[in-house]
Amino acid sequence: MTDADETPDTLGAADSGADPAAKDPSTWVTGDEPMTAPQRSYLDTLAREAGEEIPADLSKAEASEQIERLQDKTGRSSG
């Protein structure tokens, strides 16, 4: 078999046409790491606007889920 006959190395699945940024946070490789500083700041803003208190020790995945929920609640959602 020549190099031309070999299948190239790939990561992940074939492009399904879905937005790669729209992955389910529960499947993130780094989802269990602490939330990032930008997530923390934005989540603080959204929680204040929504009149809610959110735990400060969320993971990246949990923070993302809360951000999405609060964006919907506050009318800041992009969709």
PDB file of N, CA and C in Angstrom:
ATOM      1  N   MET A   1       0.849  -1.181   0.000  1.00  0.00           N
ATOM      2  CA  MET A   1       0.000   0.000   0.000  1.00  0.00           C
ATOM      3  C   MET A   1       0.888   1.235   0.000  1.00  0.00           C
ATOM      4  N   THR A   2       0.578   2.181  -0.848  1.00  0.00           N
ATOM      5  CA  THR A   2       1.356   3.413  -0.911  1.00  0.00           C
ATOM      6  C   THR A   2       0.730   4.457  -0.001  1.00  0.00           C
ATOM      7  N   ASP A   3       1.484   5.539   0.238  1.00  0.00           N
ATOM      8  CA  ASP A   3       0.957   6.623   1.061  1.00  0.00           C
ATOM      9  C   ASP A   3      -0.343   7.179   0.500  1.00  0.00           C
ATOM     10  N   ALA A   4      -0.488   7.211  -0.807  1.00  0.00           N
ATOM     11  CA  ALA A   4      -1.681   7.757  -1.434  1.00  0.00           C
ATOM     12  C   ALA A   4      -2.909   6.899  -1.141  1.00  0.00           C
ATOM     13  N   ASP A   5      -2.693   5.589  -0.850  1.00  0.00           N
ATOM     14  CA  ASP A   5      -3.801   4.684  -0.589  1.00  0.00           C
ATOM     15  C   ASP A   5      -4.254   4.726   0.874  1.00  0.00           C
ATOM     16  N   GLU A   6      -3.452   5.298   1.741  1.00  0.00           N
ATOM     17  CA  GLU A   6      -3.792   5.313   3.161  1.00  0.00           C
ATOM     18  C   GLU A   6      -4.805   6.420   3.462  1.00  0.00           C
ATOM     19  N   THR A   7      -5.656   6.147   4.421  1.00  0.00           N
ATOM     20  CA  THR A   7      -6.610   7.150   4.876  1.00  0.00           C
ATOM     21  C   THR A   7      -5.878   8.117   5.788  1.00  0.00           C
ATOM     22  N   PRO A   8      -6.082   9.414   5.618  1.00  0.00           N
ATOM     23  CA  PRO A   8      -5.385  10.375   6.474  1.00  0.00           C
ATOM     24  C   PRO A   8      -5.864  10.279   7.917  1.00  0.00           C
ATOM     25  N   ASP A   9      -4.983  10.623   8.849  1.00  0.00           N
ATOM     26  CA  ASP A   9      -5.358  10.661  10.257  1.00  0.00           C
ATOM     27  C   ASP A   9      -6.382  11.763  10.456  1.00  0.00           C
ATOM     28  N   THR A  10      -7.388  11.479  11.257  1.00  0.00           N
ATOM     29  CA  THR A  10      -8.404  12.484  11.541  1.00  0.00           C
ATOM     30  C   THR A  10      -8.741  12.467  13.022  1.00  0.00           C
ATOM     31  N   LEU A  11      -9.310  13.542  13.487  1.00  0.00           N
ATOM     32  CA  LEU A  11      -9.822  13.648  14.844  1.00  0.00           C
ATOM     33  C   LEU A  11     -11.306  13.950  14.751  1.00  0.00           C
ATOM     34  N   GLY A  12     -12.082  13.396  15.631  1.00  0.00           N
ATOM     35  CA  GLY A  12     -13.516  13.673  15.641  1.00  0.00           C
ATOM     36  C   GLY A  12     -14.228  12.998  14.493  1.00  0.00           C
ATOM     37  N   ALA A  13     -15.478  13.306  14.356  1.00  0.00           N
ATOM     38  CA  ALA A  13     -16.303  12.715  13.310  1.00  0.00           C
ATOM     39  C   ALA A  13     -16.275  13.574  12.056  1.00  0.00           C
ATOM     40  N   ALA A  14     -16.788  13.007  10.992  1.00  0.00           N
ATOM     41  CA  ALA A  14     -16.907  13.757   9.742  1.00  0.00           C
ATOM     42  C   ALA A  14     -17.834  14.940   9.973  1.00  0.00           C
ATOM     43  N   ASP A  15     -17.651  15.987   9.221  1.00  0.00           N
ATOM     44  CA  ASP A  15     -18.452  17.198   9.359  1.00  0.00           C
ATOM     45  C   ASP A  15     -19.915  16.873   9.127  1.00  0.00           C
ATOM     46  N   SER A  16     -20.723  17.100  10.139  1.00  0.00           N
ATOM     47  CA  SER A  16     -22.156  16.824  10.039  1.00  0.00           C
ATOM     48  C   SER A  16     -22.931  18.061   9.626  1.00  0.00           C
ATOM     49  N   GLY A  17     -22.229  19.172   9.435  1.00  0.00           N
ATOM     50  CA  GLY A  17     -22.889  20.415   9.097  1.00  0.00           C
ATOM     51  C   GLY A  17     -23.340  21.194  10.317  1.00  0.00           C
ATOM     52  N   ALA A  18     -23.203  20.585  11.498  1.00  0.00           N
ATOM     53  CA  ALA A  18     -23.600  21.260  12.733  1.00  0.00           C
ATOM     54  C   ALA A  18     -22.530  22.265  13.139  1.00  0.00           C
ATOM     55  N   ASP A  19     -22.944  23.271  13.843  1.00  0.00           N
ATOM     56  CA  ASP A  19     -22.028  24.287  14.351  1.00  0.00           C
ATOM     57  C   ASP A  19     -21.115  23.644  15.394  1.00  0.00           C
ATOM     58  N   PRO A  20     -19.796  23.628  15.184  1.00  0.00           N
ATOM     59  CA  PRO A  20     -18.902  22.978  16.145  1.00  0.00           C
ATOM     60  C   PRO A  20     -18.903  23.669  17.503  1.00  0.00           C
ATOM     61  N   ALA A  21     -19.290  24.924  17.559  1.00  0.00           N
ATOM     62  CA  ALA A  21     -19.338  25.639  18.830  1.00  0.00           C
ATOM     63  C   ALA A  21     -20.579  25.263  19.632  1.00  0.00           C
ATOM     64  N   ALA A  22     -21.486  24.514  19.039  1.00  0.00           N
ATOM     65  CA  ALA A  22     -22.744  24.166  19.690  1.00  0.00           C
ATOM     66  C   ALA A  22     -22.713  22.770  20.301  1.00  0.00           C
ATOM     67  N   LYS A  23     -21.542  22.279  20.671  1.00  0.00           N
ATOM     68  CA  LYS A  23     -21.430  20.974  21.305  1.00  0.00           C
ATOM     69  C   LYS A  23     -22.115  20.987  22.662  1.00  0.00           C
ATOM     70  N   ASP A  24     -22.645  19.842  23.035  1.00  0.00           N
ATOM     71  CA  ASP A  24     -23.258  19.679  24.351  1.00  0.00           C
ATOM     72  C   ASP A  24     -22.161  19.807  25.403  1.00  0.00           C
ATOM     73  N   PRO A  25     -22.292  20.761  26.332  1.00  0.00           N
ATOM     74  CA  PRO A  25     -21.246  20.959  27.345  1.00  0.00           C
ATOM     75  C   PRO A  25     -20.908  19.710  28.142  1.00  0.00           C
ATOM     76  N   SER A  26     -21.858  18.792  28.288  1.00  0.00           N
ATOM     77  CA  SER A  26     -21.577  17.580  29.067  1.00  0.00           C
ATOM     78  C   SER A  26     -20.583  16.667  28.360  1.00  0.00           C
ATOM     79  N   THR A  27     -20.324  16.903  27.072  1.00  0.00           N
ATOM     80  CA  THR A  27     -19.376  16.071  26.341  1.00  0.00           C
ATOM     81  C   THR A  27     -18.011  16.735  26.170  1.00  0.00           C
ATOM     82  N   TRP A  28     -17.833  17.953  26.716  1.00  0.00           N
ATOM     83  CA  TRP A  28     -16.570  18.655  26.583  1.00  0.00           C
ATOM     84  C   TRP A  28     -15.462  17.908  27.315  1.00  0.00           C
ATOM     85  N   VAL A  29     -14.301  17.825  26.702  1.00  0.00           N
ATOM     86  CA  VAL A  29     -13.142  17.196  27.327  1.00  0.00           C
ATOM     87  C   VAL A  29     -12.722  17.978  28.571  1.00  0.00           C
ATOM     88  N   THR A  30     -12.805  19.296  28.515  1.00  0.00           N
ATOM     89  CA  THR A  30     -12.393  20.133  29.649  1.00  0.00           C
ATOM     90  C   THR A  30     -13.584  20.658  30.438  1.00  0.00           C
ATOM     91  N   GLY A  31     -14.741  20.058  30.253  1.00  0.00           N
ATOM     92  CA  GLY A  31     -15.953  20.540  30.891  1.00  0.00           C
ATOM     93  C   GLY A  31     -15.944  20.513  32.400  1.00  0.00           C
ATOM     94  N   ASP A  32     -15.115  19.648  32.980  1.00  0.00           N
ATOM     95  CA  ASP A  32     -15.090  19.551  34.442  1.00  0.00           C
ATOM     96  C   ASP A  32     -14.064  20.498  35.080  1.00  0.00           C
ATOM     97  N   GLU A  33     -13.340  21.249  34.262  1.00  0.00           N
ATOM     98  CA  GLU A  33     -12.405  22.239  34.793  1.00  0.00           C
ATOM     99  C   GLU A  33     -13.184  23.442  35.308  1.00  0.00           C
ATOM    100  N   PRO A  34     -12.586  24.235  36.196  1.00  0.00           N
ATOM    101  CA  PRO A  34     -13.283  25.431  36.693  1.00  0.00           C
ATOM    102  C   PRO A  34     -13.631  26.390  35.554  1.00  0.00           C
ATOM    103  N   MET A  35     -14.731  27.121  35.728  1.00  0.00           N
ATOM    104  CA  MET A  35     -15.130  28.074  34.692  1.00  0.00           C
ATOM    105  C   MET A  35     -14.009  29.084  34.451  1.00  0.00           C
ATOM    106  N   THR A  36     -14.010  29.634  33.256  1.00  0.00           N
ATOM    107  CA  THR A  36     -12.993  30.617  32.890  1.00  0.00           C
ATOM    108  C   THR A  36     -13.360  31.984  33.457  1.00  0.00           C
ATOM    109  N   ALA A  37     -12.398  32.886  33.482  1.00  0.00           N
ATOM    110  CA  ALA A  37     -12.653  34.247  33.962  1.00  0.00           C
ATOM    111  C   ALA A  37     -13.721  34.952  33.117  1.00  0.00           C
ATOM    112  N   PRO A  38     -13.682  34.826  31.776  1.00  0.00           N
ATOM    113  CA  PRO A  38     -14.749  35.456  30.990  1.00  0.00           C
ATOM    114  C   PRO A  38     -16.136  34.862  31.284  1.00  0.00           C
ATOM    115  N   GLN A  39     -16.206  33.545  31.474  1.00  0.00           N
ATOM    116  CA  GLN A  39     -17.478  32.933  31.827  1.00  0.00           C
ATOM    117  C   GLN A  39     -17.977  33.490  33.156  1.00  0.00           C
ATOM    118  N   ARG A  40     -17.093  33.575  34.117  1.00  0.00           N
ATOM    119  CA  ARG A  40     -17.447  34.071  35.458  1.00  0.00           C
ATOM    120  C   ARG A  40     -17.994  35.498  35.387  1.00  0.00           C
ATOM    121  N   SER A  41     -17.324  36.339  34.641  1.00  0.00           N
ATOM    122  CA  SER A  41     -17.741  37.728  34.510  1.00  0.00           C
ATOM    123  C   SER A  41     -19.105  37.838  33.832  1.00  0.00           C
ATOM    124  N   TYR A  42     -19.280  37.123  32.729  1.00  0.00           N
ATOM    125  CA  TYR A  42     -20.532  37.194  31.991  1.00  0.00           C
ATOM    126  C   TYR A  42     -21.669  36.579  32.799  1.00  0.00           C
ATOM    127  N   LEU A  43     -21.377  35.469  33.477  1.00  0.00           N
ATOM    128  CA  LEU A  43     -22.383  34.823  34.307  1.00  0.00           C
ATOM    129  C   LEU A  43     -22.814  35.744  35.445  1.00  0.00           C
ATOM    130  N   ASP A  44     -21.874  36.478  36.019  1.00  0.00           N
ATOM    131  CA  ASP A  44     -22.195  37.441  37.068  1.00  0.00           C
ATOM    132  C   ASP A  44     -23.140  38.519  36.526  1.00  0.00           C
ATOM    133  N   THR A  45     -22.840  39.031  35.346  1.00  0.00           N
ATOM    134  CA  THR A  45     -23.690  40.045  34.725  1.00  0.00           C
ATOM    135  C   THR A  45     -25.092  39.504  34.464  1.00  0.00           C
ATOM    136  N   LEU A  46     -25.169  38.321  33.870  1.00  0.00           N
ATOM    137  CA  LEU A  46     -26.467  37.736  33.554  1.00  0.00           C
ATOM    138  C   LEU A  46     -27.275  37.438  34.815  1.00  0.00           C
ATOM    139  N   ALA A  47     -26.619  36.905  35.836  1.00  0.00           N
ATOM    140  CA  ALA A  47     -27.312  36.560  37.078  1.00  0.00           C
ATOM    141  C   ALA A  47     -27.881  37.820  37.732  1.00  0.00           C
ATOM    142  N   ARG A  48     -27.103  38.900  37.714  1.00  0.00           N
ATOM    143  CA  ARG A  48     -27.595  40.165  38.282  1.00  0.00           C
ATOM    144  C   ARG A  48     -28.823  40.658  37.518  1.00  0.00           C
ATOM    145  N   GLU A  49     -28.745  40.605  36.183  1.00  0.00           N
ATOM    146  CA  GLU A  49     -29.875  41.049  35.359  1.00  0.00           C
ATOM    147  C   GLU A  49     -31.112  40.193  35.608  1.00  0.00           C
ATOM    148  N   ALA A  50     -30.905  38.903  35.849  1.00  0.00           N
ATOM    149  CA  ALA A  50     -32.022  37.980  36.064  1.00  0.00           C
ATOM    150  C   ALA A  50     -32.485  37.964  37.513  1.00  0.00           C
ATOM    151  N   GLY A  51     -31.746  38.645  38.398  1.00  0.00           N
ATOM    152  CA  GLY A  51     -32.100  38.661  39.802  1.00  0.00           C
ATOM    153  C   GLY A  51     -31.876  37.325  40.483  1.00  0.00           C
ATOM    154  N   GLU A  52     -30.857  36.610  40.037  1.00  0.00           N
ATOM    155  CA  GLU A  52     -30.546  35.288  40.577  1.00  0.00           C
ATOM    156  C   GLU A  52     -29.162  35.267  41.200  1.00  0.00           C
ATOM    157  N   GLU A  53     -28.960  34.319  42.098  1.00  0.00           N
ATOM    158  CA  GLU A  53     -27.630  34.038  42.629  1.00  0.00           C
ATOM    159  C   GLU A  53     -27.205  32.678  42.101  1.00  0.00           C
ATOM    160  N   ILE A  54     -25.989  32.611  41.583  1.00  0.00           N
ATOM    161  CA  ILE A  54     -25.437  31.389  40.990  1.00  0.00           C
ATOM    162  C   ILE A  54     -24.203  30.999  41.791  1.00  0.00           C
ATOM    163  N   PRO A  55     -23.995  29.711  42.076  1.00  0.00           N
ATOM    164  CA  PRO A  55     -22.778  29.303  42.780  1.00  0.00           C
ATOM    165  C   PRO A  55     -21.533  29.742  42.013  1.00  0.00           C
ATOM    166  N   ALA A  56     -20.505  30.135  42.752  1.00  0.00           N
ATOM    167  CA  ALA A  56     -19.277  30.645  42.136  1.00  0.00           C
ATOM    168  C   ALA A  56     -18.280  29.543  41.798  1.00  0.00           C
ATOM    169  N   ASP A  57     -18.591  28.298  42.128  1.00  0.00           N
ATOM    170  CA  ASP A  57     -17.634  27.205  41.911  1.00  0.00           C
ATOM    171  C   ASP A  57     -18.067  26.259  40.790  1.00  0.00           C
ATOM    172  N   LEU A  58     -18.698  26.795  39.756  1.00  0.00           N
ATOM    173  CA  LEU A  58     -19.168  25.966  38.650  1.00  0.00           C
ATOM    174  C   LEU A  58     -18.016  25.514  37.757  1.00  0.00           C
ATOM    175  N   SER A  59     -18.236  24.406  37.076  1.00  0.00           N
ATOM    176  CA  SER A  59     -17.287  23.944  36.061  1.00  0.00           C
ATOM    177  C   SER A  59     -17.553  24.711  34.767  1.00  0.00           C
ATOM    178  N   LYS A  60     -16.665  24.544  33.797  1.00  0.00           N
ATOM    179  CA  LYS A  60     -16.863  25.190  32.494  1.00  0.00           C
ATOM    180  C   LYS A  60     -18.191  24.769  31.882  1.00  0.00           C
ATOM    181  N   ALA A  61     -18.491  23.482  31.948  1.00  0.00           N
ATOM    182  CA  ALA A  61     -19.728  22.976  31.356  1.00  0.00           C
ATOM    183  C   ALA A  61     -20.949  23.521  32.086  1.00  0.00           C
ATOM    184  N   GLU A  62     -20.919  23.513  33.406  1.00  0.00           N
ATOM    185  CA  GLU A  62     -22.044  24.031  34.189  1.00  0.00           C
ATOM    186  C   GLU A  62     -22.242  25.524  33.932  1.00  0.00           C
ATOM    187  N   ALA A  63     -21.142  26.264  33.863  1.00  0.00           N
ATOM    188  CA  ALA A  63     -21.225  27.699  33.600  1.00  0.00           C
ATOM    189  C   ALA A  63     -21.852  27.952  32.233  1.00  0.00           C
ATOM    190  N   SER A  64     -21.460  27.173  31.247  1.00  0.00           N
ATOM    191  CA  SER A  64     -22.004  27.332  29.907  1.00  0.00           C
ATOM    192  C   SER A  64     -23.507  27.083  29.903  1.00  0.00           C
ATOM    193  N   GLU A  65     -23.941  26.056  30.617  1.00  0.00           N
ATOM    194  CA  GLU A  65     -25.369  25.746  30.683  1.00  0.00           C
ATOM    195  C   GLU A  65     -26.140  26.872  31.378  1.00  0.00           C
ATOM    196  N   GLN A  66     -25.576  27.409  32.449  1.00  0.00           N
ATOM    197  CA  GLN A  66     -26.221  28.511  33.161  1.00  0.00           C
ATOM    198  C   GLN A  66     -26.262  29.774  32.296  1.00  0.00           C
ATOM    199  N   ILE A  67     -25.180  30.031  31.574  1.00  0.00           N
ATOM    200  CA  ILE A  67     -25.139  31.196  30.681  1.00  0.00           C
ATOM    201  C   ILE A  67     -26.246  31.084  29.638  1.00  0.00           C
ATOM    202  N   GLU A  68     -26.371  29.922  29.033  1.00  0.00           N
ATOM    203  CA  GLU A  68     -27.401  29.734  28.016  1.00  0.00           C
ATOM    204  C   GLU A  68     -28.801  29.939  28.614  1.00  0.00           C
ATOM    205  N   ARG A  69     -29.036  29.381  29.782  1.00  0.00           N
ATOM    206  CA  ARG A  69     -30.333  29.517  30.442  1.00  0.00           C
ATOM    207  C   ARG A  69     -30.633  30.986  30.759  1.00  0.00           C
ATOM    208  N   LEU A  70     -29.634  31.672  31.327  1.00  0.00           N
ATOM    209  CA  LEU A  70     -29.841  33.069  31.707  1.00  0.00           C
ATOM    210  C   LEU A  70     -29.931  33.993  30.495  1.00  0.00           C
ATOM    211  N   GLN A  71     -29.262  33.655  29.416  1.00  0.00           N
ATOM    212  CA  GLN A  71     -29.399  34.447  28.201  1.00  0.00           C
ATOM    213  C   GLN A  71     -30.848  34.390  27.711  1.00  0.00           C
ATOM    214  N   ASP A  72     -31.432  33.202  27.756  1.00  0.00           N
ATOM    215  CA  ASP A  72     -32.827  33.069  27.367  1.00  0.00           C
ATOM    216  C   ASP A  72     -33.731  33.872  28.297  1.00  0.00           C
ATOM    217  N   LYS A  73     -33.463  33.775  29.594  1.00  0.00           N
ATOM    218  CA  LYS A  73     -34.291  34.457  30.585  1.00  0.00           C
ATOM    219  C   LYS A  73     -34.209  35.974  30.459  1.00  0.00           C
ATOM    220  N   THR A  74     -33.032  36.500  30.149  1.00  0.00           N
ATOM    221  CA  THR A  74     -32.837  37.946  30.095  1.00  0.00           C
ATOM    222  C   THR A  74     -33.038  38.526  28.696  1.00  0.00           C
ATOM    223  N   GLY A  75     -33.301  37.669  27.716  1.00  0.00           N
ATOM    224  CA  GLY A  75     -33.491  38.161  26.350  1.00  0.00           C
ATOM    225  C   GLY A  75     -32.201  38.427  25.612  1.00  0.00           C
ATOM    226  N   ARG A  76     -31.093  37.929  26.139  1.00  0.00           N
ATOM    227  CA  ARG A  76     -29.798  38.134  25.489  1.00  0.00           C
ATOM    228  C   ARG A  76     -29.405  36.982  24.578  1.00  0.00           C
ATOM    229  N   SER A  77     -30.269  36.004  24.414  1.00  0.00           N
ATOM    230  CA  SER A  77     -29.895  34.841  23.607  1.00  0.00           C
ATOM    231  C   SER A  77     -29.760  35.233  22.150  1.00  0.00           C
ATOM    232  N   SER A  78     -28.843  34.575  21.474  1.00  0.00           N
ATOM    233  CA  SER A  78     -28.578  34.908  20.077  1.00  0.00           C
ATOM    234  C   SER A  78     -29.494  34.142  19.133  1.00  0.00           C
ATOM    235  N   GLY A  79     -30.233  33.184  19.666  1.00  0.00           N
ATOM    236  CA  GLY A  79     -31.053  32.361  18.785  1.00  0.00           C
ATOM    237  C   GLY A  79     -32.466  32.580  18.848  1.00  0.00           C
TER     238      GLY A  79
END
